[in-house]
Amino acid sequence: MQMRLFARLLPVVAICLSLAAGVNSCSPNPYAQTNKSYKKQSRNLAGGLQPLPVPMTLDSTLSPKYAVGTVNFDLRKPNFVIIHHTAQNSCEQTLKTFTLERTKVSAHYVICKDGTIHHMLNDYLRAWQAGISKWGNNTDINSSSIGIELDNNGFESFAEPQMVSLLRLLDTLKRKYAIPTGNFIGHSDIAPKRKVDPNVTFPWQRLAQRGFGNWYDDTTNVVIPPSFDHLLALRLVGYDLADTTAAIRAFKRKYLQDTLSRTLAEPDEKILYQLMRKSQ
């Protein structure tokens, strides 16, 4: 009896499942229009790469007879990863921000608290994420970096699923693009006068233990030479010294979780000395 009843119900179940699938597949994608814009812009960029370079004509008597395209080239590859916090209240809010033209900001990846990774821009394309920034002699970070935004309002701790996804993503990026260990840095590193992200609770040491960024070792037996110059050391690590106080605060925020002090004590200088040597 039960078997006959089950057999009668099967067609009904199948219809219900089919209808449910149809409803889900027909649900509108809120980013359908911005996805079209993405595809259009990427097609335009790709089209601009295909023609042979136009010969430069500085003097008509020196104009080449024909265009000559080299056969030895590939795509530019990213050499830095910049980590941010979104300073917003949800992943959805950040996704909306990055799909409005008027905001003029973007990132390659957004990682939500539950670990969901949104890959918003091809790694070879230039995101608008670093802004006015500098690291070492590099003053155009956007052109050489991948930007990763972590859903975090700037004051809270980072969720474990989010960190697991971040570490997996960083491992992929490091292997794919051969990004140097020391080139995994934060937004506040490259823009210390303007930015504090990722916030003071971000676990930089955990990342360094996996090969993403430099960290210091035990400093108990470290002896600083008399000639040590802490400002020169900050510059050699990569910090912009246009505002020395901002550079010191960014350093202490990252490596000491200190958001108040504006000066370097001897224990801080030992850490800086180690990091300087690792950066060389």
Foldseek 3Di string as FASTA:
>chain_A
DVVVVVVVCVVVVVVVVVVVVVVVVPPDDPCPPLVVVVVVVVVVVVVVPPDQDDFDPPDVVPTDPDGDDDPDDDAAAAQAEAEFEPLDQFPVVVVVLQSDVVNQFDFQWEAGLQQDIDRDDDRRDFGRHQPQWWWQHDRCNSNRYGYYYYHDNQPDARHPSRVVNVLVVVVVSCVVRVHALARYYYSCQTVLVPDCPPHLNDDPVVSVVVSRHDFFDDLPPPDDDPPDDLVVLLSLSTHDVPPVQSSQQSLCSHHVVDNPDSDDDPVNVSRSVRSSVVSD
